[in-house]
């Protein structure tokens, strides 16, 4: 296990079933509690009800885009308030990344990605030890 994320609640929001499953399994294997939602409206509802520590959010989804979800979540939040947000996207446009960061996204990750990359980012955001599985180095 590259990181111990016990005690962290992660909400994964993506309309791609394979991504939901692989990210859920990776975070569960790291000890996190994981909730999933397969569209933006369900994701926003879950985030409001459950108040997760971390939201992993696709940018382009049905019913509400990732931008609409993050705008709603961060609207009344102070900088640094939870949840942390990692936005995942197939869109490589720099304007989208700049807008996401303006809205308060902590990290912006292009698809395809290795789930270990998300674990590494989460470990950094929550100041947890991360062991690179390819290099066996601690960060």
C-alpha atoms as a PDB file:
ATOM      1  CA  UNK A   1       0.000   0.000   0.000  1.00  0.00           C
ATOM      2  CA  UNK A   2       1.645   3.253  -1.125  1.00  0.00           C
ATOM      3  CA  UNK A   3      -0.200   5.396   1.462  1.00  0.00           C
ATOM      4  CA  UNK A   4      -2.380   4.986   4.516  1.00  0.00           C
ATOM      5  CA  UNK A   5      -5.512   7.071   4.026  1.00  0.00           C
ATOM      6  CA  UNK A   6      -7.493   5.688   6.956  1.00  0.00           C
ATOM      7  CA  UNK A   7      -9.940   8.175   8.395  1.00  0.00           C
ATOM      8  CA  UNK A   8     -10.352  10.032   5.094  1.00  0.00           C
ATOM      9  CA  UNK A   9     -13.727  10.032   3.342  1.00  0.00           C
ATOM     10  CA  UNK A  10     -13.453  10.269  -0.443  1.00  0.00           C
ATOM     11  CA  UNK A  11     -16.304  11.028  -2.828  1.00  0.00           C
ATOM     12  CA  UNK A  12     -15.614   9.963  -6.426  1.00  0.00           C
ATOM     13  CA  UNK A  13     -17.880  11.560  -9.062  1.00  0.00           C
ATOM     14  CA  UNK A  14     -17.570  10.370 -12.659  1.00  0.00           C
ATOM     15  CA  UNK A  15     -19.972   9.103 -15.309  1.00  0.00           C
ATOM     16  CA  UNK A  16     -17.489   6.426 -16.441  1.00  0.00           C
ATOM     17  CA  UNK A  17     -18.192   3.189 -14.540  1.00  0.00           C
ATOM     18  CA  UNK A  18     -14.662   1.838 -15.068  1.00  0.00           C
ATOM     19  CA  UNK A  19     -13.086   4.966 -13.593  1.00  0.00           C
ATOM     20  CA  UNK A  20     -15.484   4.926 -10.625  1.00  0.00           C
ATOM     21  CA  UNK A  21     -14.606   1.311  -9.924  1.00  0.00           C
ATOM     22  CA  UNK A  22     -10.832   1.597 -10.291  1.00  0.00           C
ATOM     23  CA  UNK A  23     -10.566   4.789  -8.223  1.00  0.00           C
ATOM     24  CA  UNK A  24     -12.891   3.382  -5.558  1.00  0.00           C
ATOM     25  CA  UNK A  25     -10.831   0.197  -5.250  1.00  0.00           C
ATOM     26  CA  UNK A  26      -7.521   2.074  -5.113  1.00  0.00           C
ATOM     27  CA  UNK A  27      -8.710   4.351  -2.308  1.00  0.00           C
ATOM     28  CA  UNK A  28     -10.382   1.521  -0.386  1.00  0.00           C
ATOM     29  CA  UNK A  29      -7.120  -0.437  -0.599  1.00  0.00           C
ATOM     30  CA  UNK A  30      -5.382   2.599   0.909  1.00  0.00           C
ATOM     31  CA  UNK A  31      -7.842   2.526   3.821  1.00  0.00           C
ATOM     32  CA  UNK A  32     -10.129   5.411   2.830  1.00  0.00           C
ATOM     33  CA  UNK A  33     -13.909   5.332   3.097  1.00  0.00           C
ATOM     34  CA  UNK A  34     -15.263   5.814  -0.435  1.00  0.00           C
ATOM     35  CA  UNK A  35     -18.630   6.946  -1.778  1.00  0.00           C
ATOM     36  CA  UNK A  36     -19.339   7.153  -5.504  1.00  0.00           C
ATOM     37  CA  UNK A  37     -21.771   9.077  -7.694  1.00  0.00           C
ATOM     38  CA  UNK A  38     -22.220   8.675 -11.443  1.00  0.00           C
ATOM     39  CA  UNK A  39     -23.310  12.205 -12.384  1.00  0.00           C
ATOM     40  CA  UNK A  40     -22.811  15.760 -11.213  1.00  0.00           C
ATOM     41  CA  UNK A  41     -26.234  16.198  -9.597  1.00  0.00           C
ATOM     42  CA  UNK A  42     -25.835  13.055  -7.491  1.00  0.00           C
ATOM     43  CA  UNK A  43     -22.279  14.079  -6.667  1.00  0.00           C
ATOM     44  CA  UNK A  44     -23.320  17.511  -5.454  1.00  0.00           C
ATOM     45  CA  UNK A  45     -26.096  15.995  -3.339  1.00  0.00           C
ATOM     46  CA  UNK A  46     -23.694  13.451  -1.823  1.00  0.00           C
ATOM     47  CA  UNK A  47     -21.070  16.111  -1.118  1.00  0.00           C
ATOM     48  CA  UNK A  48     -23.600  18.298   0.701  1.00  0.00           C
ATOM     49  CA  UNK A  49     -25.035  15.407   2.732  1.00  0.00           C
ATOM     50  CA  UNK A  50     -21.839  13.538   3.565  1.00  0.00           C
ATOM     51  CA  UNK A  51     -19.246  16.346   3.766  1.00  0.00           C
ATOM     52  CA  UNK A  52     -16.342  14.246   2.456  1.00  0.00           C
ATOM     53  CA  UNK A  53     -12.728  15.207   3.048  1.00  0.00           C
ATOM     54  CA  UNK A  54     -11.820  14.770  -0.632  1.00  0.00           C
ATOM     55  CA  UNK A  55     -13.854  14.943  -3.841  1.00  0.00           C
ATOM     56  CA  UNK A  56     -12.436  13.426  -7.018  1.00  0.00           C
ATOM     57  CA  UNK A  57     -14.518  15.062  -9.703  1.00  0.00           C
ATOM     58  CA  UNK A  58     -14.814  14.582 -13.448  1.00  0.00           C
ATOM     59  CA  UNK A  59     -15.132  17.828 -15.375  1.00  0.00           C
ATOM     60  CA  UNK A  60     -17.602  16.708 -18.064  1.00  0.00           C
ATOM     61  CA  UNK A  61     -20.641  14.790 -16.789  1.00  0.00           C
ATOM     62  CA  UNK A  62     -24.374  14.617 -17.363  1.00  0.00           C
ATOM     63  CA  UNK A  63     -26.853  16.639 -15.286  1.00  0.00           C
ATOM     64  CA  UNK A  64     -24.208  18.950 -13.768  1.00  0.00           C
ATOM     65  CA  UNK A  65     -20.663  19.519 -14.967  1.00  0.00           C
ATOM     66  CA  UNK A  66     -17.744  19.329 -12.590  1.00  0.00           C
ATOM     67  CA  UNK A  67     -17.494  23.116 -12.806  1.00  0.00           C
ATOM     68  CA  UNK A  68     -21.081  23.560 -11.602  1.00  0.00           C
ATOM     69  CA  UNK A  69     -20.458  21.106  -8.753  1.00  0.00           C
ATOM     70  CA  UNK A  70     -17.289  22.865  -7.598  1.00  0.00           C
ATOM     71  CA  UNK A  71     -18.877  26.307  -7.917  1.00  0.00           C
ATOM     72  CA  UNK A  72     -21.705  25.150  -5.644  1.00  0.00           C
ATOM     73  CA  UNK A  73     -19.399  23.468  -3.117  1.00  0.00           C
ATOM     74  CA  UNK A  74     -16.897  26.284  -2.836  1.00  0.00           C
ATOM     75  CA  UNK A  75     -19.425  29.141  -3.072  1.00  0.00           C
ATOM     76  CA  UNK A  76     -19.568  29.829   0.665  1.00  0.00           C
ATOM     77  CA  UNK A  77     -16.400  28.056   1.734  1.00  0.00           C
ATOM     78  CA  UNK A  78     -13.291  29.731   3.052  1.00  0.00           C
ATOM     79  CA  UNK A  79     -10.000  28.899   1.327  1.00  0.00           C
ATOM     80  CA  UNK A  80      -8.619  25.687   2.795  1.00  0.00           C
ATOM     81  CA  UNK A  81     -12.025  24.450   4.001  1.00  0.00           C
ATOM     82  CA  UNK A  82     -12.866  20.902   3.122  1.00  0.00           C
ATOM     83  CA  UNK A  83     -13.392  19.279   0.846  1.00  0.00           C
ATOM     84  CA  UNK A  84     -10.149  19.126  -1.053  1.00  0.00           C
ATOM     85  CA  UNK A  85     -10.905  18.625  -4.746  1.00  0.00           C
ATOM     86  CA  UNK A  86      -9.023  16.759  -7.452  1.00  0.00           C
ATOM     87  CA  UNK A  87     -10.546  17.393 -10.876  1.00  0.00           C
ATOM     88  CA  UNK A  88     -10.030  14.687 -13.485  1.00  0.00           C
ATOM     89  CA  UNK A  89     -10.632  15.377 -17.153  1.00  0.00           C
ATOM     90  CA  UNK A  90      -9.985  14.314 -20.715  1.00  0.00           C
ATOM     91  CA  UNK A  91      -9.868  18.014 -21.659  1.00  0.00           C
ATOM     92  CA  UNK A  92      -6.325  19.302 -21.986  1.00  0.00           C
ATOM     93  CA  UNK A  93      -7.229  22.973 -22.413  1.00  0.00           C
ATOM     94  CA  UNK A  94      -5.244  25.362 -20.221  1.00  0.00           C
ATOM     95  CA  UNK A  95      -8.232  27.724 -19.858  1.00  0.00           C
ATOM     96  CA  UNK A  96     -10.245  24.951 -18.229  1.00  0.00           C
ATOM     97  CA  UNK A  97      -7.401  24.180 -15.843  1.00  0.00           C
ATOM     98  CA  UNK A  98      -7.007  27.868 -14.969  1.00  0.00           C
ATOM     99  CA  UNK A  99     -10.740  28.188 -14.299  1.00  0.00           C
ATOM    100  CA  UNK A 100     -10.751  25.027 -12.165  1.00  0.00           C
ATOM    101  CA  UNK A 101      -7.891  26.366 -10.049  1.00  0.00           C
ATOM    102  CA  UNK A 102      -9.667  29.733  -9.763  1.00  0.00           C
ATOM    103  CA  UNK A 103     -12.670  27.861  -8.338  1.00  0.00           C
ATOM    104  CA  UNK A 104     -10.488  26.219  -5.698  1.00  0.00           C
ATOM    105  CA  UNK A 105      -9.536  22.876  -7.207  1.00  0.00           C
ATOM    106  CA  UNK A 106      -6.419  21.544  -5.467  1.00  0.00           C
ATOM    107  CA  UNK A 107      -5.182  19.413  -8.367  1.00  0.00           C
ATOM    108  CA  UNK A 108      -6.102  19.016 -12.021  1.00  0.00           C
ATOM    109  CA  UNK A 109      -5.296  15.612 -13.534  1.00  0.00           C
ATOM    110  CA  UNK A 110      -5.625  14.699 -17.205  1.00  0.00           C
ATOM    111  CA  UNK A 111      -7.065  11.355 -18.276  1.00  0.00           C
ATOM    112  CA  UNK A 112      -5.789   8.771 -18.680  1.00  0.00           C
ATOM    113  CA  UNK A 113      -4.072   8.610 -15.310  1.00  0.00           C
ATOM    114  CA  UNK A 114      -2.687   5.979 -12.969  1.00  0.00           C
ATOM    115  CA  UNK A 115      -4.766   5.581  -9.817  1.00  0.00           C
ATOM    116  CA  UNK A 116      -1.480   5.699  -7.875  1.00  0.00           C
ATOM    117  CA  UNK A 117      -1.171   9.337  -9.003  1.00  0.00           C
ATOM    118  CA  UNK A 118      -4.451  10.151  -7.237  1.00  0.00           C
ATOM    119  CA  UNK A 119      -3.297   8.298  -4.108  1.00  0.00           C
ATOM    120  CA  UNK A 120      -0.039  10.271  -4.188  1.00  0.00           C
ATOM    121  CA  UNK A 121      -1.920  13.576  -4.462  1.00  0.00           C
ATOM    122  CA  UNK A 122      -4.292  12.614  -1.639  1.00  0.00           C
ATOM    123  CA  UNK A 123      -1.378  11.639   0.596  1.00  0.00           C
ATOM    124  CA  UNK A 124       0.207  15.044  -0.020  1.00  0.00           C
ATOM    125  CA  UNK A 125      -3.044  16.955   0.561  1.00  0.00           C
ATOM    126  CA  UNK A 126      -3.577  15.182   3.891  1.00  0.00           C
ATOM    127  CA  UNK A 127       0.103  15.192   4.859  1.00  0.00           C
ATOM    128  CA  UNK A 128       0.368  11.404   4.861  1.00  0.00           C
ATOM    129  CA  UNK A 129       3.433   9.379   4.012  1.00  0.00           C
ATOM    130  CA  UNK A 130       3.540   8.154   0.429  1.00  0.00           C
ATOM    131  CA  UNK A 131       5.744   5.304  -0.771  1.00  0.00           C
ATOM    132  CA  UNK A 132       6.269   5.292  -4.528  1.00  0.00           C
ATOM    133  CA  UNK A 133       5.512   1.689  -5.541  1.00  0.00           C
ATOM    134  CA  UNK A 134       7.845   1.916  -8.540  1.00  0.00           C
ATOM    135  CA  UNK A 135      10.812   3.317  -6.669  1.00  0.00           C
ATOM    136  CA  UNK A 136      10.105   2.334  -3.035  1.00  0.00           C
ATOM    137  CA  UNK A 137      10.862   5.903  -2.004  1.00  0.00           C
ATOM    138  CA  UNK A 138       9.042   7.710   0.760  1.00  0.00           C
ATOM    139  CA  UNK A 139       7.741  11.237   0.061  1.00  0.00           C
END
